[in-house]
Amino acid sequence: QVRLVESGGGLVQPGGSLRLSCAASGSIFRFNTMGWYRQAPGKERELVASKSSGASAEYADSVKGRFTISRDNAKNTVYLQMNSLKPEDTAVYYCNAQTGLPYRSYWGQGTQVTVSS
């Protein structure tokens, strides 16, 4: 079974930076798509950023210009560099990985990001 383990969350002041990491283990298969979602209290889970093999990264409008997603396919690891953080970025961030054939979707346990002074 595939396991996704996130790290790097925490408490940061507005304007600060964090880098989230998500390492996949349990399979040598390279995922078609890896990305990050977040869910704030009382809100639906939303896509933050994703990166598919052979395609450009996609970002939510709210994070464009501030967040950068990157992948290390050899390590089956995806990163989210978060700069110029705002209080509205506060949420639980979830790593997601998907395969194409057959289709499967995997989730990490989530990591809390809190932006507050």
C-alpha atoms as a PDB file:
ATOM      1  CA  GLN A   1       0.000   0.000   0.000  1.00  0.00           C
ATOM      2  CA  VAL A   2       1.126   3.524  -0.778  1.00  0.00           C
ATOM      3  CA  ARG A   3       1.675   5.866   2.134  1.00  0.00           C
ATOM      4  CA  LEU A   4       2.066   9.635   1.932  1.00  0.00           C
ATOM      5  CA  VAL A   5       3.794  11.419   4.800  1.00  0.00           C
ATOM      6  CA  GLU A   6       3.742  15.208   5.057  1.00  0.00           C
ATOM      7  CA  SER A   7       6.127  17.384   7.019  1.00  0.00           C
ATOM      8  CA  GLY A   8       7.009  21.049   7.400  1.00  0.00           C
ATOM      9  CA  GLY A   9       3.801  22.508   8.789  1.00  0.00           C
ATOM     10  CA  GLY A  10       3.711  24.822  11.763  1.00  0.00           C
ATOM     11  CA  LEU A  11       3.015  28.323  12.988  1.00  0.00           C
ATOM     12  CA  VAL A  12       4.452  31.259  11.069  1.00  0.00           C
ATOM     13  CA  GLN A  13       3.973  35.028  11.117  1.00  0.00           C
ATOM     14  CA  PRO A  14       2.281  36.851   8.233  1.00  0.00           C
ATOM     15  CA  GLY A  15       4.777  37.460   5.454  1.00  0.00           C
ATOM     16  CA  GLY A  16       6.843  34.463   6.464  1.00  0.00           C
ATOM     17  CA  SER A  17       7.646  31.284   4.586  1.00  0.00           C
ATOM     18  CA  LEU A  18       7.237  27.548   5.006  1.00  0.00           C
ATOM     19  CA  ARG A  19       8.112  24.566   2.872  1.00  0.00           C
ATOM     20  CA  LEU A  20       5.927  21.485   2.988  1.00  0.00           C
ATOM     21  CA  SER A  21       7.222  18.088   1.929  1.00  0.00           C
ATOM     22  CA  CYS A  22       5.330  14.933   1.048  1.00  0.00           C
ATOM     23  CA  ALA A  23       7.161  11.655   0.595  1.00  0.00           C
ATOM     24  CA  ALA A  24       5.448   8.646  -0.957  1.00  0.00           C
ATOM     25  CA  SER A  25       6.510   5.147  -0.041  1.00  0.00           C
ATOM     26  CA  GLY A  26       5.353   1.586  -0.575  1.00  0.00           C
ATOM     27  CA  SER A  27       5.461   1.578  -4.387  1.00  0.00           C
ATOM     28  CA  ILE A  28       7.954   2.181  -7.162  1.00  0.00           C
ATOM     29  CA  PHE A  29       5.215   3.475  -9.471  1.00  0.00           C
ATOM     30  CA  ARG A  30       5.642   7.106 -10.509  1.00  0.00           C
ATOM     31  CA  PHE A  31       2.440   9.047 -10.000  1.00  0.00           C
ATOM     32  CA  ASN A  32       0.813  10.902 -12.863  1.00  0.00           C
ATOM     33  CA  THR A  33      -0.242  13.785 -10.633  1.00  0.00           C
ATOM     34  CA  MET A  34       0.869  14.999  -7.237  1.00  0.00           C
ATOM     35  CA  GLY A  35      -0.512  18.015  -5.476  1.00  0.00           C
ATOM     36  CA  TRP A  36      -1.617  19.850  -2.381  1.00  0.00           C
ATOM     37  CA  TYR A  37      -5.085  20.567  -1.048  1.00  0.00           C
ATOM     38  CA  ARG A  38      -6.150  22.513   2.003  1.00  0.00           C
ATOM     39  CA  GLN A  39      -9.211  22.732   4.191  1.00  0.00           C
ATOM     40  CA  ALA A  40     -10.006  25.558   6.565  1.00  0.00           C
ATOM     41  CA  PRO A  41     -12.641  25.255   9.320  1.00  0.00           C
ATOM     42  CA  GLY A  42     -16.137  25.491   7.880  1.00  0.00           C
ATOM     43  CA  LYS A  43     -14.927  25.397   4.281  1.00  0.00           C
ATOM     44  CA  GLU A  44     -14.668  22.713   1.625  1.00  0.00           C
ATOM     45  CA  ARG A  45     -11.367  21.173   0.701  1.00  0.00           C
ATOM     46  CA  GLU A  46      -9.770  23.063  -2.184  1.00  0.00           C
ATOM     47  CA  LEU A  47      -6.939  22.445  -4.589  1.00  0.00           C
ATOM     48  CA  VAL A  48      -3.913  24.611  -3.840  1.00  0.00           C
ATOM     49  CA  ALA A  49      -1.411  23.385  -6.417  1.00  0.00           C
ATOM     50  CA  SER A  50      -0.797  20.342  -8.573  1.00  0.00           C
ATOM     51  CA  LYS A  51       1.833  19.054 -10.946  1.00  0.00           C
ATOM     52  CA  SER A  52       1.254  16.375 -13.565  1.00  0.00           C
ATOM     53  CA  SER A  53       4.035  14.684 -15.486  1.00  0.00           C
ATOM     54  CA  GLY A  54       4.793  16.561 -18.682  1.00  0.00           C
ATOM     55  CA  ALA A  55       2.543  19.499 -17.819  1.00  0.00           C
ATOM     56  CA  SER A  56       2.858  22.898 -16.195  1.00  0.00           C
ATOM     57  CA  ALA A  57       1.925  23.366 -12.577  1.00  0.00           C
ATOM     58  CA  GLU A  58      -1.571  24.553 -11.710  1.00  0.00           C
ATOM     59  CA  TYR A  59      -2.319  26.932  -8.849  1.00  0.00           C
ATOM     60  CA  ALA A  60      -5.351  28.322  -7.123  1.00  0.00           C
ATOM     61  CA  ASP A  61      -5.787  32.017  -7.880  1.00  0.00           C
ATOM     62  CA  SER A  62      -5.374  32.839  -4.203  1.00  0.00           C
ATOM     63  CA  VAL A  63      -1.800  31.510  -4.098  1.00  0.00           C
ATOM     64  CA  LYS A  64      -0.445  32.396  -7.546  1.00  0.00           C
ATOM     65  CA  GLY A  65       2.861  34.220  -7.319  1.00  0.00           C
ATOM     66  CA  ARG A  66       3.376  33.159  -3.712  1.00  0.00           C
ATOM     67  CA  PHE A  67       3.435  29.343  -3.738  1.00  0.00           C
ATOM     68  CA  THR A  68       5.567  27.022  -5.843  1.00  0.00           C
ATOM     69  CA  ILE A  69       5.078  23.286  -6.273  1.00  0.00           C
ATOM     70  CA  SER A  70       7.947  21.030  -7.287  1.00  0.00           C
ATOM     71  CA  ARG A  71       8.513  17.302  -7.669  1.00  0.00           C
ATOM     72  CA  ASP A  72      11.435  14.982  -7.261  1.00  0.00           C
ATOM     73  CA  ASN A  73      10.226  11.977  -9.223  1.00  0.00           C
ATOM     74  CA  ALA A  74      13.223   9.835  -8.298  1.00  0.00           C
ATOM     75  CA  LYS A  75      12.210  10.145  -4.650  1.00  0.00           C
ATOM     76  CA  ASN A  76       8.433  10.256  -5.248  1.00  0.00           C
ATOM     77  CA  THR A  77       8.381  13.460  -3.255  1.00  0.00           C
ATOM     78  CA  VAL A  78       6.449  16.676  -3.798  1.00  0.00           C
ATOM     79  CA  TYR A  79       7.153  20.037  -2.167  1.00  0.00           C
ATOM     80  CA  LEU A  80       5.176  23.202  -1.630  1.00  0.00           C
ATOM     81  CA  GLN A  81       7.204  26.356  -1.073  1.00  0.00           C
ATOM     82  CA  MET A  82       4.943  28.950   0.532  1.00  0.00           C
ATOM     83  CA  ASN A  83       6.101  32.568   0.623  1.00  0.00           C
ATOM     84  CA  SER A  84       4.410  35.792   1.705  1.00  0.00           C
ATOM     85  CA  LEU A  85       2.004  33.829   3.854  1.00  0.00           C
ATOM     86  CA  LYS A  86      -1.292  35.405   4.861  1.00  0.00           C
ATOM     87  CA  PRO A  87      -3.680  34.588   7.722  1.00  0.00           C
ATOM     88  CA  GLU A  88      -6.171  33.310   5.122  1.00  0.00           C
ATOM     89  CA  ASP A  89      -3.676  30.574   4.246  1.00  0.00           C
ATOM     90  CA  THR A  90      -4.348  28.977   7.630  1.00  0.00           C
ATOM     91  CA  ALA A  91      -5.662  25.456   7.038  1.00  0.00           C
ATOM     92  CA  VAL A  92      -4.870  21.785   7.199  1.00  0.00           C
ATOM     93  CA  TYR A  93      -2.815  20.949   4.129  1.00  0.00           C
ATOM     94  CA  TYR A  94      -3.139  17.520   2.529  1.00  0.00           C
ATOM     95  CA  CYS A  95      -0.828  15.826   0.070  1.00  0.00           C
ATOM     96  CA  ASN A  96      -2.478  13.940  -2.788  1.00  0.00           C
ATOM     97  CA  ALA A  97      -1.092  11.560  -5.390  1.00  0.00           C
ATOM     98  CA  GLN A  98      -2.896   9.954  -8.307  1.00  0.00           C
ATOM     99  CA  THR A  99      -2.170   7.200 -10.781  1.00  0.00           C
ATOM    100  CA  GLY A 100      -3.605   7.030 -14.281  1.00  0.00           C
ATOM    101  CA  LEU A 101      -3.929   3.372 -15.238  1.00  0.00           C
ATOM    102  CA  PRO A 102      -5.621   2.145 -13.164  1.00  0.00           C
ATOM    103  CA  TYR A 103      -6.900   5.298 -11.502  1.00  0.00           C
ATOM    104  CA  ARG A 104      -6.153   5.557  -7.796  1.00  0.00           C
ATOM    105  CA  SER A 105      -6.011   8.478  -5.419  1.00  0.00           C
ATOM    106  CA  TYR A 106      -3.998   8.589  -2.209  1.00  0.00           C
ATOM    107  CA  TRP A 107      -4.025  11.069   0.656  1.00  0.00           C
ATOM    108  CA  GLY A 108      -1.666  12.002   3.429  1.00  0.00           C
ATOM    109  CA  GLN A 109      -2.807  12.561   7.001  1.00  0.00           C
ATOM    110  CA  GLY A 110      -2.640  16.346   6.749  1.00  0.00           C
ATOM    111  CA  THR A 111      -0.423  18.936   8.382  1.00  0.00           C
ATOM    112  CA  GLN A 112      -1.552  22.119  10.109  1.00  0.00           C
ATOM    113  CA  VAL A 113      -0.362  25.476   8.798  1.00  0.00           C
ATOM    114  CA  THR A 114      -1.214  28.472  10.962  1.00  0.00           C
ATOM    115  CA  VAL A 115      -0.369  32.032   9.909  1.00  0.00           C
ATOM    116  CA  SER A 116      -0.760  34.443  12.799  1.00  0.00           C
ATOM    117  CA  SER A 117       1.085  37.237  14.558  1.00  0.00           C
END
